[in-house]
Amino acid sequence: MRVEERALSLTEQQQATLGLPDTGYDPNTVCPGQPVIELFVLARLDDDRAVRIRLPQNECGDPRPEVAATLAEARHEVVREFTVKG
């Protein structure tokens, strides 16, 4: 698995998107049968601790489309990359 550490620069509007609530669950929703690829977003604090940011989810448990778009559009700089085996 390839791991990329990025430094993101988010506008206030992009930060607000990451704070959206989850989409409500609807029992009539049909979710696509696809493998789950969990996206981990960590924030590094001033004391070098990392905190996982929980991304707002849609009714199928995936990141909301506007959240995925925000992460794709955010300015970023790759800090380091490495491969984890196993």
PDB file of N, CA and C in Angstrom:
ATOM      1  N   MET A   1       0.854  -1.166   0.000  1.00  0.00           N
ATOM      2  CA  MET A   1       0.000   0.000   0.000  1.00  0.00           C
ATOM      3  C   MET A   1       0.900   1.229   0.000  1.00  0.00           C
ATOM      4  N   ARG A   2       0.589   2.163  -0.871  1.00  0.00           N
ATOM      5  CA  ARG A   2       1.343   3.414  -0.943  1.00  0.00           C
ATOM      6  C   ARG A   2       0.720   4.421   0.008  1.00  0.00           C
ATOM      7  N   VAL A   3       1.537   5.044   0.807  1.00  0.00           N
ATOM      8  CA  VAL A   3       1.083   6.056   1.761  1.00  0.00           C
ATOM      9  C   VAL A   3       1.723   7.378   1.375  1.00  0.00           C
ATOM     10  N   GLU A   4       0.895   8.412   1.357  1.00  0.00           N
ATOM     11  CA  GLU A   4       1.369   9.734   1.015  1.00  0.00           C
ATOM     12  C   GLU A   4       1.037  10.675   2.158  1.00  0.00           C
ATOM     13  N   GLU A   5       2.007  11.389   2.631  1.00  0.00           N
ATOM     14  CA  GLU A   5       1.759  12.420   3.639  1.00  0.00           C
ATOM     15  C   GLU A   5       1.735  13.756   2.917  1.00  0.00           C
ATOM     16  N   ARG A   6       0.615  14.482   3.070  1.00  0.00           N
ATOM     17  CA  ARG A   6       0.455  15.765   2.394  1.00  0.00           C
ATOM     18  C   ARG A   6       0.182  16.867   3.403  1.00  0.00           C
ATOM     19  N   ALA A   7       0.653  18.031   3.090  1.00  0.00           N
ATOM     20  CA  ALA A   7       0.298  19.227   3.846  1.00  0.00           C
ATOM     21  C   ALA A   7      -0.779  19.936   3.032  1.00  0.00           C
ATOM     22  N   LEU A   8      -1.976  20.078   3.610  1.00  0.00           N
ATOM     23  CA  LEU A   8      -3.095  20.707   2.911  1.00  0.00           C
ATOM     24  C   LEU A   8      -3.263  22.155   3.336  1.00  0.00           C
ATOM     25  N   SER A   9      -3.663  22.975   2.387  1.00  0.00           N
ATOM     26  CA  SER A   9      -4.072  24.349   2.675  1.00  0.00           C
ATOM     27  C   SER A   9      -5.538  24.449   2.303  1.00  0.00           C
ATOM     28  N   LEU A  10      -6.397  24.662   3.290  1.00  0.00           N
ATOM     29  CA  LEU A  10      -7.843  24.712   3.061  1.00  0.00           C
ATOM     30  C   LEU A  10      -8.379  26.116   3.284  1.00  0.00           C
ATOM     31  N   THR A  11      -9.290  26.533   2.410  1.00  0.00           N
ATOM     32  CA  THR A  11      -9.980  27.801   2.609  1.00  0.00           C
ATOM     33  C   THR A  11     -10.989  27.615   3.739  1.00  0.00           C
ATOM     34  N   GLU A  12     -11.561  28.704   4.209  1.00  0.00           N
ATOM     35  CA  GLU A  12     -12.579  28.596   5.261  1.00  0.00           C
ATOM     36  C   GLU A  12     -13.789  27.794   4.768  1.00  0.00           C
ATOM     37  N   GLN A  13     -14.167  27.978   3.512  1.00  0.00           N
ATOM     38  CA  GLN A  13     -15.299  27.237   2.955  1.00  0.00           C
ATOM     39  C   GLN A  13     -14.978  25.740   2.897  1.00  0.00           C
ATOM     40  N   GLN A  14     -13.745  25.385   2.510  1.00  0.00           N
ATOM     41  CA  GLN A  14     -13.355  23.975   2.473  1.00  0.00           C
ATOM     42  C   GLN A  14     -13.341  23.381   3.877  1.00  0.00           C
ATOM     43  N   GLN A  15     -12.871  24.155   4.848  1.00  0.00           N
ATOM     44  CA  GLN A  15     -12.881  23.678   6.229  1.00  0.00           C
ATOM     45  C   GLN A  15     -14.311  23.434   6.699  1.00  0.00           C
ATOM     46  N   ALA A  16     -15.233  24.307   6.304  1.00  0.00           N
ATOM     47  CA  ALA A  16     -16.635  24.145   6.684  1.00  0.00           C
ATOM     48  C   ALA A  16     -17.220  22.870   6.070  1.00  0.00           C
ATOM     49  N   THR A  17     -16.812  22.540   4.855  1.00  0.00           N
ATOM     50  CA  THR A  17     -17.294  21.317   4.205  1.00  0.00           C
ATOM     51  C   THR A  17     -16.893  20.088   5.011  1.00  0.00           C
ATOM     52  N   LEU A  18     -15.691  20.096   5.570  1.00  0.00           N
ATOM     53  CA  LEU A  18     -15.246  18.958   6.378  1.00  0.00           C
ATOM     54  C   LEU A  18     -16.024  18.851   7.687  1.00  0.00           C
ATOM     55  N   GLY A  19     -16.737  19.902   8.056  1.00  0.00           N
ATOM     56  CA  GLY A  19     -17.533  19.891   9.277  1.00  0.00           C
ATOM     57  C   GLY A  19     -19.011  19.600   9.047  1.00  0.00           C
ATOM     58  N   LEU A  20     -19.386  19.238   7.817  1.00  0.00           N
ATOM     59  CA  LEU A  20     -20.782  18.923   7.531  1.00  0.00           C
ATOM     60  C   LEU A  20     -21.226  17.690   8.317  1.00  0.00           C
ATOM     61  N   PRO A  21     -22.512  17.567   8.584  1.00  0.00           N
ATOM     62  CA  PRO A  21     -23.008  16.350   9.257  1.00  0.00           C
ATOM     63  C   PRO A  21     -23.087  15.197   8.258  1.00  0.00           C
ATOM     64  N   ASP A  22     -23.201  13.982   8.787  1.00  0.00           N
ATOM     65  CA  ASP A  22     -23.434  12.824   7.934  1.00  0.00           C
ATOM     66  C   ASP A  22     -24.804  12.962   7.289  1.00  0.00           C
ATOM     67  N   THR A  23     -24.939  12.372   6.107  1.00  0.00           N
ATOM     68  CA  THR A  23     -26.246  12.305   5.459  1.00  0.00           C
ATOM     69  C   THR A  23     -27.071  11.294   6.238  1.00  0.00           C
ATOM     70  N   GLY A  24     -28.315  11.605   6.468  1.00  0.00           N
ATOM     71  CA  GLY A  24     -29.172  10.697   7.239  1.00  0.00           C
ATOM     72  C   GLY A  24     -29.351   9.346   6.562  1.00  0.00           C
ATOM     73  N   TYR A  25     -29.523   8.327   7.373  1.00  0.00           N
ATOM     74  CA  TYR A  25     -29.718   6.973   6.860  1.00  0.00           C
ATOM     75  C   TYR A  25     -31.147   6.815   6.365  1.00  0.00           C
ATOM     76  N   ASP A  26     -31.290   6.265   5.169  1.00  0.00           N
ATOM     77  CA  ASP A  26     -32.600   5.971   4.592  1.00  0.00           C
ATOM     78  C   ASP A  26     -32.643   4.483   4.292  1.00  0.00           C
ATOM     79  N   PRO A  27     -33.541   3.720   4.930  1.00  0.00           N
ATOM     80  CA  PRO A  27     -33.568   2.267   4.722  1.00  0.00           C
ATOM     81  C   PRO A  27     -33.887   1.861   3.289  1.00  0.00           C
ATOM     82  N   ASN A  28     -34.391   2.785   2.463  1.00  0.00           N
ATOM     83  CA  ASN A  28     -34.698   2.481   1.063  1.00  0.00           C
ATOM     84  C   ASN A  28     -33.526   2.748   0.126  1.00  0.00           C
ATOM     85  N   THR A  29     -32.399   3.167   0.665  1.00  0.00           N
ATOM     86  CA  THR A  29     -31.228   3.465  -0.150  1.00  0.00           C
ATOM     87  C   THR A  29     -30.543   2.174  -0.568  1.00  0.00           C
ATOM     88  N   VAL A  30     -30.201   2.087  -1.838  1.00  0.00           N
ATOM     89  CA  VAL A  30     -29.439   0.950  -2.350  1.00  0.00           C
ATOM     90  C   VAL A  30     -28.006   1.435  -2.554  1.00  0.00           C
ATOM     91  N   CYS A  31     -27.091   0.809  -1.838  1.00  0.00           N
ATOM     92  CA  CYS A  31     -25.688   1.199  -1.930  1.00  0.00           C
ATOM     93  C   CYS A  31     -24.981   0.299  -2.938  1.00  0.00           C
ATOM     94  N   PRO A  32     -24.049   0.868  -3.700  1.00  0.00           N
ATOM     95  CA  PRO A  32     -23.341   0.057  -4.685  1.00  0.00           C
ATOM     96  C   PRO A  32     -22.481  -0.999  -4.002  1.00  0.00           C
ATOM     97  N   GLY A  33     -22.408  -2.163  -4.614  1.00  0.00           N
ATOM     98  CA  GLY A  33     -21.553  -3.228  -4.084  1.00  0.00           C
ATOM     99  C   GLY A  33     -20.134  -3.000  -4.539  1.00  0.00           C
ATOM    100  N   GLN A  34     -19.384  -2.323  -3.739  1.00  0.00           N
ATOM    101  CA  GLN A  34     -17.999  -2.016  -4.100  1.00  0.00           C
ATOM    102  C   GLN A  34     -17.119  -2.251  -2.891  1.00  0.00           C
ATOM    103  N   PRO A  35     -15.845  -2.534  -3.132  1.00  0.00           N
ATOM    104  CA  PRO A  35     -14.958  -2.724  -1.989  1.00  0.00           C
ATOM    105  C   PRO A  35     -14.813  -1.416  -1.206  1.00  0.00           C
ATOM    106  N   VAL A  36     -14.686  -1.548   0.072  1.00  0.00           N
ATOM    107  CA  VAL A  36     -14.540  -0.375   0.929  1.00  0.00           C
ATOM    108  C   VAL A  36     -13.081   0.057   0.923  1.00  0.00           C
ATOM    109  N   ILE A  37     -12.850   1.287   0.524  1.00  0.00           N
ATOM    110  CA  ILE A  37     -11.514   1.881   0.577  1.00  0.00           C
ATOM    111  C   ILE A  37     -11.618   3.025   1.562  1.00  0.00           C
ATOM    112  N   GLU A  38     -11.086   2.789   2.729  1.00  0.00           N
ATOM    113  CA  GLU A  38     -11.226   3.795   3.771  1.00  0.00           C
ATOM    114  C   GLU A  38     -10.151   4.859   3.618  1.00  0.00           C
ATOM    115  N   LEU A  39     -10.586   6.091   3.652  1.00  0.00           N
ATOM    116  CA  LEU A  39      -9.695   7.230   3.513  1.00  0.00           C
ATOM    117  C   LEU A  39      -9.359   7.756   4.906  1.00  0.00           C
ATOM    118  N   PHE A  40      -8.080   7.818   5.215  1.00  0.00           N
ATOM    119  CA  PHE A  40      -7.647   8.350   6.502  1.00  0.00           C
ATOM    120  C   PHE A  40      -7.089   9.746   6.303  1.00  0.00           C
ATOM    121  N   VAL A  41      -7.618  10.694   7.051  1.00  0.00           N
ATOM    122  CA  VAL A  41      -7.109  12.054   7.041  1.00  0.00           C
ATOM    123  C   VAL A  41      -6.680  12.362   8.466  1.00  0.00           C
ATOM    124  N   LEU A  42      -5.408  12.678   8.626  1.00  0.00           N
ATOM    125  CA  LEU A  42      -4.862  12.995   9.944  1.00  0.00           C
ATOM    126  C   LEU A  42      -4.441  14.449   9.974  1.00  0.00           C
ATOM    127  N   ALA A  43      -4.633  15.070  11.100  1.00  0.00           N
ATOM    128  CA  ALA A  43      -4.155  16.435  11.309  1.00  0.00           C
ATOM    129  C   ALA A  43      -2.996  16.364  12.288  1.00  0.00           C
ATOM    130  N   ARG A  44      -1.897  17.003  11.932  1.00  0.00           N
ATOM    131  CA  ARG A  44      -0.762  17.044  12.841  1.00  0.00           C
ATOM    132  C   ARG A  44      -0.883  18.294  13.700  1.00  0.00           C
ATOM    133  N   LEU A  45      -0.844  18.102  15.001  1.00  0.00           N
ATOM    134  CA  LEU A  45      -0.960  19.207  15.943  1.00  0.00           C
ATOM    135  C   LEU A  45       0.405  19.853  16.160  1.00  0.00           C
ATOM    136  N   ASP A  46       0.395  21.000  16.806  1.00  0.00           N
ATOM    137  CA  ASP A  46       1.646  21.726  17.035  1.00  0.00           C
ATOM    138  C   ASP A  46       2.670  20.919  17.813  1.00  0.00           C
ATOM    139  N   ASP A  47       2.213  20.015  18.692  1.00  0.00           N
ATOM    140  CA  ASP A  47       3.152  19.210  19.474  1.00  0.00           C
ATOM    141  C   ASP A  47       3.492  17.893  18.764  1.00  0.00           C
ATOM    142  N   ASP A  48       3.260  17.833  17.445  1.00  0.00           N
ATOM    143  CA  ASP A  48       3.573  16.694  16.574  1.00  0.00           C
ATOM    144  C   ASP A  48       2.697  15.468  16.802  1.00  0.00           C
ATOM    145  N   ARG A  49       1.643  15.578  17.610  1.00  0.00           N
ATOM    146  CA  ARG A  49       0.687  14.477  17.712  1.00  0.00           C
ATOM    147  C   ARG A  49      -0.209  14.524  16.476  1.00  0.00           C
ATOM    148  N   ALA A  50      -0.720  13.354  16.090  1.00  0.00           N
ATOM    149  CA  ALA A  50      -1.627  13.281  14.952  1.00  0.00           C
ATOM    150  C   ALA A  50      -3.015  12.888  15.453  1.00  0.00           C
ATOM    151  N   VAL A  51      -4.029  13.532  14.894  1.00  0.00           N
ATOM    152  CA  VAL A  51      -5.412  13.265  15.256  1.00  0.00           C
ATOM    153  C   VAL A  51      -6.154  12.923  13.965  1.00  0.00           C
ATOM    154  N   ARG A  52      -6.896  11.802  13.975  1.00  0.00           N
ATOM    155  CA  ARG A  52      -7.654  11.430  12.792  1.00  0.00           C
ATOM    156  C   ARG A  52      -8.896  12.298  12.674  1.00  0.00           C
ATOM    157  N   ILE A  53      -9.116  12.814  11.491  1.00  0.00           N
ATOM    158  CA  ILE A  53     -10.298  13.616  11.215  1.00  0.00           C
ATOM    159  C   ILE A  53     -11.349  12.689  10.607  1.00  0.00           C
ATOM    160  N   ARG A  54     -12.502  12.636  11.236  1.00  0.00           N
ATOM    161  CA  ARG A  54     -13.583  11.805  10.718  1.00  0.00           C
ATOM    162  C   ARG A  54     -14.296  12.592   9.633  1.00  0.00           C
ATOM    163  N   LEU A  55     -14.334  12.014   8.444  1.00  0.00           N
ATOM    164  CA  LEU A  55     -14.955  12.686   7.312  1.00  0.00           C
ATOM    165  C   LEU A  55     -16.468  12.450   7.313  1.00  0.00           C
ATOM    166  N   PRO A  56     -17.261  13.481   6.993  1.00  0.00           N
ATOM    167  CA  PRO A  56     -18.707  13.317   6.907  1.00  0.00           C
ATOM    168  C   PRO A  56     -19.064  12.252   5.865  1.00  0.00           C
ATOM    169  N   GLN A  57     -19.997  11.363   6.217  1.00  0.00           N
ATOM    170  CA  GLN A  57     -20.334  10.239   5.354  1.00  0.00           C
ATOM    171  C   GLN A  57     -21.727  10.364   4.761  1.00  0.00           C
ATOM    172  N   ASN A  58     -21.906   9.699   3.613  1.00  0.00           N
ATOM    173  CA  ASN A  58     -23.235   9.615   3.018  1.00  0.00           C
ATOM    174  C   ASN A  58     -23.959   8.410   3.606  1.00  0.00           C
ATOM    175  N   GLU A  59     -25.149   8.119   3.111  1.00  0.00           N
ATOM    176  CA  GLU A  59     -25.946   7.035   3.667  1.00  0.00           C
ATOM    177  C   GLU A  59     -25.343   5.651   3.457  1.00  0.00           C
ATOM    178  N   CYS A  60     -24.355   5.533   2.570  1.00  0.00           N
ATOM    179  CA  CYS A  60     -23.700   4.236   2.320  1.00  0.00           C
ATOM    180  C   CYS A  60     -22.392   4.094   3.099  1.00  0.00           C
ATOM    181  N   GLY A  61     -22.040   5.119   3.880  1.00  0.00           N
ATOM    182  CA  GLY A  61     -20.816   5.052   4.670  1.00  0.00           C
ATOM    183  C   GLY A  61     -19.581   5.548   3.945  1.00  0.00           C
ATOM    184  N   ASP A  62     -19.756   6.117   2.763  1.00  0.00           N
ATOM    185  CA  ASP A  62     -18.651   6.692   2.006  1.00  0.00           C
ATOM    186  C   ASP A  62     -18.553   8.177   2.315  1.00  0.00           C
ATOM    187  N   PRO A  63     -17.379   8.796   2.069  1.00  0.00           N
ATOM    188  CA  PRO A  63     -17.306  10.249   2.251  1.00  0.00           C
ATOM    189  C   PRO A  63     -18.335  10.938   1.349  1.00  0.00           C
ATOM    190  N   ARG A  64     -18.992  11.969   1.885  1.00  0.00           N
ATOM    191  CA  ARG A  64     -19.956  12.723   1.093  1.00  0.00           C
ATOM    192  C   ARG A  64     -19.266  13.261  -0.159  1.00  0.00           C
ATOM    193  N   PRO A  65     -19.981  13.337  -1.295  1.00  0.00           N
ATOM    194  CA  PRO A  65     -19.357  13.785  -2.549  1.00  0.00           C
ATOM    195  C   PRO A  65     -18.686  15.150  -2.441  1.00  0.00           C
ATOM    196  N   GLU A  66     -19.322  16.076  -1.720  1.00  0.00           N
ATOM    197  CA  GLU A  66     -18.726  17.406  -1.609  1.00  0.00           C
ATOM    198  C   GLU A  66     -17.449  17.383  -0.774  1.00  0.00           C
ATOM    199  N   VAL A  67     -17.339  16.428   0.145  1.00  0.00           N
ATOM    200  CA  VAL A  67     -16.123  16.284   0.946  1.00  0.00           C
ATOM    201  C   VAL A  67     -14.993  15.724   0.075  1.00  0.00           C
ATOM    202  N   ALA A  68     -15.313  14.707  -0.713  1.00  0.00           N
ATOM    203  CA  ALA A  68     -14.318  14.136  -1.627  1.00  0.00           C
ATOM    204  C   ALA A  68     -13.833  15.200  -2.616  1.00  0.00           C
ATOM    205  N   ALA A  69     -14.761  16.022  -3.115  1.00  0.00           N
ATOM    206  CA  ALA A  69     -14.386  17.093  -4.046  1.00  0.00           C
ATOM    207  C   ALA A  69     -13.488  18.124  -3.363  1.00  0.00           C
ATOM    208  N   THR A  70     -13.809  18.462  -2.124  1.00  0.00           N
ATOM    209  CA  THR A  70     -12.988  19.424  -1.383  1.00  0.00           C
ATOM    210  C   THR A  70     -11.565  18.911  -1.210  1.00  0.00           C
ATOM    211  N   LEU A  71     -11.427  17.637  -0.847  1.00  0.00           N
ATOM    212  CA  LEU A  71     -10.085  17.077  -0.666  1.00  0.00           C
ATOM    213  C   LEU A  71      -9.327  17.027  -1.984  1.00  0.00           C
ATOM    214  N   ALA A  72     -10.040  16.753  -3.077  1.00  0.00           N
ATOM    215  CA  ALA A  72      -9.393  16.705  -4.394  1.00  0.00           C
ATOM    216  C   ALA A  72      -8.958  18.095  -4.854  1.00  0.00           C
ATOM    217  N   GLU A  73      -9.729  19.121  -4.499  1.00  0.00           N
ATOM    218  CA  GLU A  73      -9.439  20.489  -4.937  1.00  0.00           C
ATOM    219  C   GLU A  73      -8.441  21.218  -4.034  1.00  0.00           C
ATOM    220  N   ALA A  74      -8.256  20.745  -2.822  1.00  0.00           N
ATOM    221  CA  ALA A  74      -7.412  21.458  -1.854  1.00  0.00           C
ATOM    222  C   ALA A  74      -5.970  21.539  -2.345  1.00  0.00           C
ATOM    223  N   ARG A  75      -5.370  22.672  -2.095  1.00  0.00           N
ATOM    224  CA  ARG A  75      -3.943  22.798  -2.418  1.00  0.00           C
ATOM    225  C   ARG A  75      -3.176  21.905  -1.464  1.00  0.00           C
ATOM    226  N   HIS A  76      -2.227  21.175  -2.000  1.00  0.00           N
ATOM    227  CA  HIS A  76      -1.447  20.298  -1.131  1.00  0.00           C
ATOM    228  C   HIS A  76      -0.012  20.192  -1.624  1.00  0.00           C
ATOM    229  N   GLU A  77       0.810  19.815  -0.708  1.00  0.00           N
ATOM    230  CA  GLU A  77       2.227  19.569  -0.994  1.00  0.00           C
ATOM    231  C   GLU A  77       2.548  18.204  -0.411  1.00  0.00           C
ATOM    232  N   VAL A  78       3.106  17.327  -1.231  1.00  0.00           N
ATOM    233  CA  VAL A  78       3.496  16.010  -0.733  1.00  0.00           C
ATOM    234  C   VAL A  78       4.731  16.190   0.148  1.00  0.00           C
ATOM    235  N   VAL A  79       4.606  15.784   1.406  1.00  0.00           N
ATOM    236  CA  VAL A  79       5.693  15.916   2.366  1.00  0.00           C
ATOM    237  C   VAL A  79       6.618  14.700   2.286  1.00  0.00           C
ATOM    238  N   ARG A  80       5.997  13.504   2.219  1.00  0.00           N
ATOM    239  CA  ARG A  80       6.786  12.282   2.036  1.00  0.00           C
ATOM    240  C   ARG A  80       5.855  11.189   1.551  1.00  0.00           C
ATOM    241  N   GLU A  81       6.423  10.162   0.945  1.00  0.00           N
ATOM    242  CA  GLU A  81       5.655   9.004   0.518  1.00  0.00           C
ATOM    243  C   GLU A  81       6.469   7.759   0.797  1.00  0.00           C
ATOM    244  N   PHE A  82       5.750   6.680   1.101  1.00  0.00           N
ATOM    245  CA  PHE A  82       6.416   5.407   1.386  1.00  0.00           C
ATOM    246  C   PHE A  82       5.445   4.270   1.126  1.00  0.00           C
ATOM    247  N   THR A  83       5.978   3.066   1.071  1.00  0.00           N
ATOM    248  CA  THR A  83       5.168   1.874   0.810  1.00  0.00           C
ATOM    249  C   THR A  83       5.161   1.014   2.055  1.00  0.00           C
ATOM    250  N   VAL A  84       3.964   0.533   2.398  1.00  0.00           N
ATOM    251  CA  VAL A  84       3.796  -0.368   3.532  1.00  0.00           C
ATOM    252  C   VAL A  84       3.456  -1.734   2.956  1.00  0.00           C
ATOM    253  N   LYS A  85       4.199  -2.731   3.326  1.00  0.00           N
ATOM    254  CA  LYS A  85       3.940  -4.094   2.834  1.00  0.00           C
ATOM    255  C   LYS A  85       3.185  -4.878   3.887  1.00  0.00           C
ATOM    256  N   GLY A  86       2.393  -5.838   3.407  1.00  0.00           N
ATOM    257  CA  GLY A  86       1.706  -6.701   4.356  1.00  0.00           C
ATOM    258  C   GLY A  86       0.295  -6.605   4.183  1.00  0.00           C
TER     259      GLY A  86
END
